[in-house]
């Protein structure tokens, strides 16, 4: 089984983030799809995927970030294979 979750954090804070929620569910009235696209924008749910900005995989867990986090927290996706 594959579990896809997301949170708002920085890349360096991904390991300590506690607010992981399933893709498609809201965090503070914000919803993203599996490619980090915000609900309500023209590209939400589009069949055109985005290229990841950063990825990291270790011990069956993959983290993906699609946006630059130098200005603060952005959506980070966690994919866990169970």
PDB file of N, CA and C in Angstrom:
ATOM      1  N   UNK A   1       0.832  -1.167   0.000  1.00  0.00           N
ATOM      2  CA  UNK A   1       0.000   0.000   0.000  1.00  0.00           C
ATOM      3  C   UNK A   1       0.886   1.244   0.000  1.00  0.00           C
ATOM      4  N   UNK A   2       0.473   2.262  -0.756  1.00  0.00           N
ATOM      5  CA  UNK A   2       1.209   3.513  -0.826  1.00  0.00           C
ATOM      6  C   UNK A   2       0.356   4.609  -0.206  1.00  0.00           C
ATOM      7  N   UNK A   3       0.940   5.347   0.727  1.00  0.00           N
ATOM      8  CA  UNK A   3       0.230   6.437   1.401  1.00  0.00           C
ATOM      9  C   UNK A   3       0.864   7.755   0.954  1.00  0.00           C
ATOM     10  N   UNK A   4       0.027   8.684   0.425  1.00  0.00           N
ATOM     11  CA  UNK A   4       0.500   9.998   0.000  1.00  0.00           C
ATOM     12  C   UNK A   4      -0.081  11.051   0.927  1.00  0.00           C
ATOM     13  N   UNK A   5       0.806  11.822   1.547  1.00  0.00           N
ATOM     14  CA  UNK A   5       0.394  12.856   2.488  1.00  0.00           C
ATOM     15  C   UNK A   5       1.150  14.139   2.180  1.00  0.00           C
ATOM     16  N   UNK A   6       0.674  15.250   2.728  1.00  0.00           N
ATOM     17  CA  UNK A   6       1.367  16.510   2.529  1.00  0.00           C
ATOM     18  C   UNK A   6       1.279  17.369   3.774  1.00  0.00           C
ATOM     19  N   UNK A   7       2.162  18.362   3.834  1.00  0.00           N
ATOM     20  CA  UNK A   7       2.156  19.353   4.898  1.00  0.00           C
ATOM     21  C   UNK A   7       2.785  20.630   4.373  1.00  0.00           C
ATOM     22  N   UNK A   8       2.607  21.714   5.114  1.00  0.00           N
ATOM     23  CA  UNK A   8       3.271  22.976   4.792  1.00  0.00           C
ATOM     24  C   UNK A   8       4.495  23.081   5.693  1.00  0.00           C
ATOM     25  N   UNK A   9       5.682  23.092   5.078  1.00  0.00           N
ATOM     26  CA  UNK A   9       6.930  23.151   5.831  1.00  0.00           C
ATOM     27  C   UNK A   9       8.051  23.584   4.910  1.00  0.00           C
ATOM     28  N   UNK A  10       9.234  23.672   5.446  1.00  0.00           N
ATOM     29  CA  UNK A  10      10.423  23.886   4.627  1.00  0.00           C
ATOM     30  C   UNK A  10      11.082  22.529   4.404  1.00  0.00           C
ATOM     31  N   UNK A  11      11.959  22.466   3.442  1.00  0.00           N
ATOM     32  CA  UNK A  11      12.639  21.204   3.141  1.00  0.00           C
ATOM     33  C   UNK A  11      13.413  20.705   4.353  1.00  0.00           C
ATOM     34  N   UNK A  12      14.078  21.612   5.039  1.00  0.00           N
ATOM     35  CA  UNK A  12      14.870  21.198   6.206  1.00  0.00           C
ATOM     36  C   UNK A  12      13.996  20.756   7.376  1.00  0.00           C
ATOM     37  N   UNK A  13      12.728  21.169   7.409  1.00  0.00           N
ATOM     38  CA  UNK A  13      11.835  20.804   8.500  1.00  0.00           C
ATOM     39  C   UNK A  13      10.952  19.610   8.228  1.00  0.00           C
ATOM     40  N   UNK A  14      11.116  18.988   7.076  1.00  0.00           N
ATOM     41  CA  UNK A  14      10.204  17.896   6.681  1.00  0.00           C
ATOM     42  C   UNK A  14      10.228  16.713   7.637  1.00  0.00           C
ATOM     43  N   UNK A  15      11.371  16.386   8.187  1.00  0.00           N
ATOM     44  CA  UNK A  15      11.482  15.247   9.088  1.00  0.00           C
ATOM     45  C   UNK A  15      10.812  15.468  10.432  1.00  0.00           C
ATOM     46  N   UNK A  16      10.692  16.720  10.843  1.00  0.00           N
ATOM     47  CA  UNK A  16      10.091  17.051  12.134  1.00  0.00           C
ATOM     48  C   UNK A  16       8.638  17.494  12.023  1.00  0.00           C
ATOM     49  N   UNK A  17       8.117  17.619  10.795  1.00  0.00           N
ATOM     50  CA  UNK A  17       6.742  18.098  10.596  1.00  0.00           C
ATOM     51  C   UNK A  17       5.746  17.105  11.191  1.00  0.00           C
ATOM     52  N   UNK A  18       4.709  17.637  11.831  1.00  0.00           N
ATOM     53  CA  UNK A  18       3.735  16.776  12.512  1.00  0.00           C
ATOM     54  C   UNK A  18       2.344  16.829  11.883  1.00  0.00           C
ATOM     55  N   UNK A  19       2.111  17.729  10.930  1.00  0.00           N
ATOM     56  CA  UNK A  19       0.763  17.951  10.388  1.00  0.00           C
ATOM     57  C   UNK A  19       0.492  17.203   9.095  1.00  0.00           C
ATOM     58  N   UNK A  20       1.011  16.030   8.889  1.00  0.00           N
ATOM     59  CA  UNK A  20       0.816  15.311   7.627  1.00  0.00           C
ATOM     60  C   UNK A  20      -0.652  14.938   7.465  1.00  0.00           C
ATOM     61  N   UNK A  21      -1.210  15.247   6.294  1.00  0.00           N
ATOM     62  CA  UNK A  21      -2.610  14.952   5.996  1.00  0.00           C
ATOM     63  C   UNK A  21      -2.694  14.370   4.585  1.00  0.00           C
ATOM     64  N   UNK A  22      -3.690  13.551   4.286  1.00  0.00           N
ATOM     65  CA  UNK A  22      -3.780  12.948   2.950  1.00  0.00           C
ATOM     66  C   UNK A  22      -3.872  13.995   1.833  1.00  0.00           C
ATOM     67  N   UNK A  23      -3.286  13.673   0.697  1.00  0.00           N
ATOM     68  CA  UNK A  23      -3.390  14.524  -0.495  1.00  0.00           C
ATOM     69  C   UNK A  23      -4.868  14.760  -0.778  1.00  0.00           C
ATOM     70  N   UNK A  24      -5.226  15.988  -1.125  1.00  0.00           N
ATOM     71  CA  UNK A  24      -6.612  16.322  -1.433  1.00  0.00           C
ATOM     72  C   UNK A  24      -7.418  16.801  -0.240  1.00  0.00           C
ATOM     73  N   UNK A  25      -6.846  16.729   0.954  1.00  0.00           N
ATOM     74  CA  UNK A  25      -7.513  17.254   2.156  1.00  0.00           C
ATOM     75  C   UNK A  25      -6.866  18.570   2.555  1.00  0.00           C
ATOM     76  N   UNK A  26      -7.642  19.432   3.174  1.00  0.00           N
ATOM     77  CA  UNK A  26      -7.187  20.789   3.487  1.00  0.00           C
ATOM     78  C   UNK A  26      -6.319  20.871   4.736  1.00  0.00           C
ATOM     79  N   UNK A  27      -5.360  21.784   4.680  1.00  0.00           N
ATOM     80  CA  UNK A  27      -4.600  22.249   5.827  1.00  0.00           C
ATOM     81  C   UNK A  27      -4.765  23.767   5.810  1.00  0.00           C
ATOM     82  N   UNK A  28      -5.379  24.322   6.850  1.00  0.00           N
ATOM     83  CA  UNK A  28      -5.610  25.775   6.924  1.00  0.00           C
ATOM     84  C   UNK A  28      -6.264  26.322   5.650  1.00  0.00           C
ATOM     85  N   UNK A  29      -7.302  25.645   5.182  1.00  0.00           N
ATOM     86  CA  UNK A  29      -8.066  26.044   3.994  1.00  0.00           C
ATOM     87  C   UNK A  29      -7.266  25.988   2.697  1.00  0.00           C
ATOM     88  N   UNK A  30      -6.153  25.270   2.677  1.00  0.00           N
ATOM     89  CA  UNK A  30      -5.356  25.072   1.475  1.00  0.00           C
ATOM     90  C   UNK A  30      -5.413  23.598   1.108  1.00  0.00           C
ATOM     91  N   UNK A  31      -5.648  23.306  -0.181  1.00  0.00           N
ATOM     92  CA  UNK A  31      -5.693  21.929  -0.672  1.00  0.00           C
ATOM     93  C   UNK A  31      -4.754  21.831  -1.872  1.00  0.00           C
ATOM     94  N   UNK A  32      -3.969  20.758  -1.936  1.00  0.00           N
ATOM     95  CA  UNK A  32      -3.113  20.528  -3.095  1.00  0.00           C
ATOM     96  C   UNK A  32      -3.415  19.158  -3.691  1.00  0.00           C
ATOM     97  N   UNK A  33      -2.981  18.968  -4.943  1.00  0.00           N
ATOM     98  CA  UNK A  33      -3.074  17.648  -5.553  1.00  0.00           C
ATOM     99  C   UNK A  33      -1.712  16.956  -5.423  1.00  0.00           C
ATOM    100  N   UNK A  34      -1.552  15.798  -6.028  1.00  0.00           N
ATOM    101  CA  UNK A  34      -0.329  15.005  -5.880  1.00  0.00           C
ATOM    102  C   UNK A  34       0.892  15.643  -6.529  1.00  0.00           C
ATOM    103  N   UNK A  35       0.699  16.715  -7.303  1.00  0.00           N
ATOM    104  CA  UNK A  35       1.818  17.433  -7.912  1.00  0.00           C
ATOM    105  C   UNK A  35       2.055  18.789  -7.260  1.00  0.00           C
ATOM    106  N   UNK A  36       1.495  19.005  -6.079  1.00  0.00           N
ATOM    107  CA  UNK A  36       1.719  20.236  -5.352  1.00  0.00           C
ATOM    108  C   UNK A  36       0.993  21.446  -5.906  1.00  0.00           C
ATOM    109  N   UNK A  37      -0.010  21.229  -6.765  1.00  0.00           N
ATOM    110  CA  UNK A  37      -0.764  22.342  -7.346  1.00  0.00           C
ATOM    111  C   UNK A  37      -1.907  22.721  -6.422  1.00  0.00           C
ATOM    112  N   UNK A  38      -2.107  24.018  -6.204  1.00  0.00           N
ATOM    113  CA  UNK A  38      -3.134  24.517  -5.300  1.00  0.00           C
ATOM    114  C   UNK A  38      -4.522  24.424  -5.889  1.00  0.00           C
ATOM    115  N   UNK A  39      -5.470  23.979  -5.064  1.00  0.00           N
ATOM    116  CA  UNK A  39      -6.876  23.923  -5.449  1.00  0.00           C
ATOM    117  C   UNK A  39      -7.360  25.327  -5.803  1.00  0.00           C
ATOM    118  N   UNK A  40      -8.155  25.415  -6.840  1.00  0.00           N
ATOM    119  CA  UNK A  40      -8.707  26.696  -7.253  1.00  0.00           C
ATOM    120  C   UNK A  40      -7.877  27.409  -8.302  1.00  0.00           C
ATOM    121  N   UNK A  41      -6.674  26.903  -8.610  1.00  0.00           N
ATOM    122  CA  UNK A  41      -5.872  27.491  -9.677  1.00  0.00           C
ATOM    123  C   UNK A  41      -6.175  26.771 -10.982  1.00  0.00           C
ATOM    124  N   UNK A  42      -5.778  27.366 -12.082  1.00  0.00           N
ATOM    125  CA  UNK A  42      -6.061  26.788 -13.402  1.00  0.00           C
ATOM    126  C   UNK A  42      -5.426  25.422 -13.606  1.00  0.00           C
ATOM    127  N   UNK A  43      -4.334  25.142 -12.914  1.00  0.00           N
ATOM    128  CA  UNK A  43      -3.607  23.896 -13.145  1.00  0.00           C
ATOM    129  C   UNK A  43      -3.955  22.782 -12.156  1.00  0.00           C
ATOM    130  N   UNK A  44      -4.809  23.057 -11.151  1.00  0.00           N
ATOM    131  CA  UNK A  44      -5.170  22.027 -10.171  1.00  0.00           C
ATOM    132  C   UNK A  44      -5.828  20.862 -10.894  1.00  0.00           C
ATOM    133  N   UNK A  45      -5.348  19.653 -10.667  1.00  0.00           N
ATOM    134  CA  UNK A  45      -5.931  18.459 -11.268  1.00  0.00           C
ATOM    135  C   UNK A  45      -5.592  18.276 -12.736  1.00  0.00           C
ATOM    136  N   UNK A  46      -4.737  19.111 -13.284  1.00  0.00           N
ATOM    137  CA  UNK A  46      -4.343  19.028 -14.682  1.00  0.00           C
ATOM    138  C   UNK A  46      -3.587  17.729 -14.943  1.00  0.00           C
ATOM    139  N   UNK A  47      -3.638  17.262 -16.174  1.00  0.00           N
ATOM    140  CA  UNK A  47      -2.901  16.046 -16.523  1.00  0.00           C
ATOM    141  C   UNK A  47      -1.443  16.362 -16.842  1.00  0.00           C
ATOM    142  N   UNK A  48      -1.054  17.639 -16.808  1.00  0.00           N
ATOM    143  CA  UNK A  48       0.329  18.032 -17.063  1.00  0.00           C
ATOM    144  C   UNK A  48       1.079  18.076 -15.729  1.00  0.00           C
ATOM    145  N   UNK A  49       2.002  17.133 -15.505  1.00  0.00           N
ATOM    146  CA  UNK A  49       2.699  17.096 -14.219  1.00  0.00           C
ATOM    147  C   UNK A  49       3.747  18.197 -14.107  1.00  0.00           C
ATOM    148  N   UNK A  50       4.077  18.540 -12.867  1.00  0.00           N
ATOM    149  CA  UNK A  50       5.157  19.486 -12.582  1.00  0.00           C
ATOM    150  C   UNK A  50       6.433  18.702 -12.317  1.00  0.00           C
ATOM    151  N   UNK A  51       7.561  19.331 -12.543  1.00  0.00           N
ATOM    152  CA  UNK A  51       8.846  18.704 -12.215  1.00  0.00           C
ATOM    153  C   UNK A  51       9.204  19.050 -10.775  1.00  0.00           C
ATOM    154  N   UNK A  52       9.611  18.068 -10.001  1.00  0.00           N
ATOM    155  CA  UNK A  52       9.977  18.340  -8.607  1.00  0.00           C
ATOM    156  C   UNK A  52      11.181  19.267  -8.506  1.00  0.00           C
ATOM    157  N   UNK A  53      11.159  20.122  -7.489  1.00  0.00           N
ATOM    158  CA  UNK A  53      12.277  21.005  -7.184  1.00  0.00           C
ATOM    159  C   UNK A  53      13.330  20.234  -6.381  1.00  0.00           C
ATOM    160  N   UNK A  54      12.861  19.414  -5.419  1.00  0.00           N
ATOM    161  CA  UNK A  54      13.751  18.563  -4.619  1.00  0.00           C
ATOM    162  C   UNK A  54      13.049  17.247  -4.319  1.00  0.00           C
ATOM    163  N   UNK A  55      13.830  16.177  -4.227  1.00  0.00           N
ATOM    164  CA  UNK A  55      13.314  14.872  -3.812  1.00  0.00           C
ATOM    165  C   UNK A  55      14.339  14.213  -2.887  1.00  0.00           C
ATOM    166  N   UNK A  56      13.839  13.306  -2.053  1.00  0.00           N
ATOM    167  CA  UNK A  56      14.707  12.562  -1.147  1.00  0.00           C
ATOM    168  C   UNK A  56      14.004  11.259  -0.815  1.00  0.00           C
ATOM    169  N   UNK A  57      14.731  10.155  -0.875  1.00  0.00           N
ATOM    170  CA  UNK A  57      14.164   8.848  -0.545  1.00  0.00           C
ATOM    171  C   UNK A  57      15.096   8.118   0.408  1.00  0.00           C
ATOM    172  N   UNK A  58      14.516   7.595   1.492  1.00  0.00           N
ATOM    173  CA  UNK A  58      15.280   6.803   2.453  1.00  0.00           C
ATOM    174  C   UNK A  58      14.317   5.917   3.230  1.00  0.00           C
ATOM    175  N   UNK A  59      14.672   4.664   3.398  1.00  0.00           N
ATOM    176  CA  UNK A  59      13.913   3.707   4.212  1.00  0.00           C
ATOM    177  C   UNK A  59      12.431   3.624   3.819  1.00  0.00           C
ATOM    178  N   UNK A  60      12.147   3.605   2.520  1.00  0.00           N
ATOM    179  CA  UNK A  60      10.766   3.444   2.056  1.00  0.00           C
ATOM    180  C   UNK A  60       9.925   4.701   2.102  1.00  0.00           C
ATOM    181  N   UNK A  61      10.530   5.856   2.416  1.00  0.00           N
ATOM    182  CA  UNK A  61       9.801   7.127   2.459  1.00  0.00           C
ATOM    183  C   UNK A  61      10.410   8.077   1.435  1.00  0.00           C
ATOM    184  N   UNK A  62       9.563   8.667   0.599  1.00  0.00           N
ATOM    185  CA  UNK A  62      10.008   9.645  -0.392  1.00  0.00           C
ATOM    186  C   UNK A  62       9.377  10.988  -0.078  1.00  0.00           C
ATOM    187  N   UNK A  63      10.181  12.033  -0.094  1.00  0.00           N
ATOM    188  CA  UNK A  63       9.705  13.402   0.081  1.00  0.00           C
ATOM    189  C   UNK A  63       9.858  14.126  -1.249  1.00  0.00           C
ATOM    190  N   UNK A  64       8.866  14.937  -1.603  1.00  0.00           N
ATOM    191  CA  UNK A  64       8.896  15.709  -2.842  1.00  0.00           C
ATOM    192  C   UNK A  64       8.477  17.141  -2.533  1.00  0.00           C
ATOM    193  N   UNK A  65       9.233  18.086  -3.068  1.00  0.00           N
ATOM    194  CA  UNK A  65       8.885  19.498  -2.943  1.00  0.00           C
ATOM    195  C   UNK A  65       8.917  20.090  -4.351  1.00  0.00           C
ATOM    196  N   UNK A  66       7.846  20.791  -4.737  1.00  0.00           N
ATOM    197  CA  UNK A  66       7.741  21.350  -6.076  1.00  0.00           C
ATOM    198  C   UNK A  66       8.073  22.825  -6.147  1.00  0.00           C
ATOM    199  N   UNK A  67       8.155  23.527  -5.018  1.00  0.00           N
ATOM    200  CA  UNK A  67       8.384  24.965  -5.000  1.00  0.00           C
ATOM    201  C   UNK A  67       9.606  25.313  -4.160  1.00  0.00           C
ATOM    202  N   UNK A  68      10.218  26.438  -4.455  1.00  0.00           N
ATOM    203  CA  UNK A  68      11.354  26.948  -3.695  1.00  0.00           C
ATOM    204  C   UNK A  68      10.872  27.418  -2.323  1.00  0.00           C
ATOM    205  N   UNK A  69      11.548  27.005  -1.270  1.00  0.00           N
ATOM    206  CA  UNK A  69      11.113  27.342   0.092  1.00  0.00           C
ATOM    207  C   UNK A  69      11.960  28.437   0.745  1.00  0.00           C
ATOM    208  N   UNK A  70      12.718  29.198  -0.030  1.00  0.00           N
ATOM    209  CA  UNK A  70      13.561  30.234   0.562  1.00  0.00           C
ATOM    210  C   UNK A  70      12.749  31.340   1.233  1.00  0.00           C
ATOM    211  N   UNK A  71      11.489  31.525   0.836  1.00  0.00           N
ATOM    212  CA  UNK A  71      10.640  32.551   1.450  1.00  0.00           C
ATOM    213  C   UNK A  71       9.771  31.986   2.573  1.00  0.00           C
ATOM    214  N   UNK A  72       9.897  30.695   2.874  1.00  0.00           N
ATOM    215  CA  UNK A  72       9.106  30.092   3.950  1.00  0.00           C
ATOM    216  C   UNK A  72       8.478  28.777   3.540  1.00  0.00           C
ATOM    217  N   UNK A  73       7.531  28.325   4.353  1.00  0.00           N
ATOM    218  CA  UNK A  73       6.908  27.014   4.171  1.00  0.00           C
ATOM    219  C   UNK A  73       6.164  26.914   2.840  1.00  0.00           C
ATOM    220  N   UNK A  74       6.300  25.747   2.215  1.00  0.00           N
ATOM    221  CA  UNK A  74       5.613  25.404   0.963  1.00  0.00           C
ATOM    222  C   UNK A  74       5.070  23.987   1.114  1.00  0.00           C
ATOM    223  N   UNK A  75       4.199  23.526   0.209  1.00  0.00           N
ATOM    224  CA  UNK A  75       3.743  22.143   0.297  1.00  0.00           C
ATOM    225  C   UNK A  75       4.890  21.153   0.081  1.00  0.00           C
ATOM    226  N   UNK A  76       5.006  20.193   0.979  1.00  0.00           N
ATOM    227  CA  UNK A  76       5.946  19.085   0.846  1.00  0.00           C
ATOM    228  C   UNK A  76       5.121  17.804   0.918  1.00  0.00           C
ATOM    229  N   UNK A  77       5.366  16.913  -0.017  1.00  0.00           N
ATOM    230  CA  UNK A  77       4.624  15.655  -0.110  1.00  0.00           C
ATOM    231  C   UNK A  77       5.479  14.521   0.441  1.00  0.00           C
ATOM    232  N   UNK A  78       4.855  13.629   1.190  1.00  0.00           N
ATOM    233  CA  UNK A  78       5.519  12.440   1.737  1.00  0.00           C
ATOM    234  C   UNK A  78       4.811  11.223   1.188  1.00  0.00           C
ATOM    235  N   UNK A  79       5.560  10.324   0.561  1.00  0.00           N
ATOM    236  CA  UNK A  79       5.011   9.075   0.033  1.00  0.00           C
ATOM    237  C   UNK A  79       5.634   7.936   0.820  1.00  0.00           C
ATOM    238  N   UNK A  80       4.784   7.147   1.451  1.00  0.00           N
ATOM    239  CA  UNK A  80       5.254   6.042   2.288  1.00  0.00           C
ATOM    240  C   UNK A  80       4.736   4.730   1.721  1.00  0.00           C
ATOM    241  N   UNK A  81       5.635   3.777   1.531  1.00  0.00           N
ATOM    242  CA  UNK A  81       5.253   2.441   1.078  1.00  0.00           C
ATOM    243  C   UNK A  81       5.157   1.551   2.302  1.00  0.00           C
ATOM    244  N   UNK A  82       3.959   0.988   2.502  1.00  0.00           N
ATOM    245  CA  UNK A  82       3.736   0.136   3.688  1.00  0.00           C
ATOM    246  C   UNK A  82       3.504  -1.294   3.271  1.00  0.00           C
TER     247      UNK A  82
END
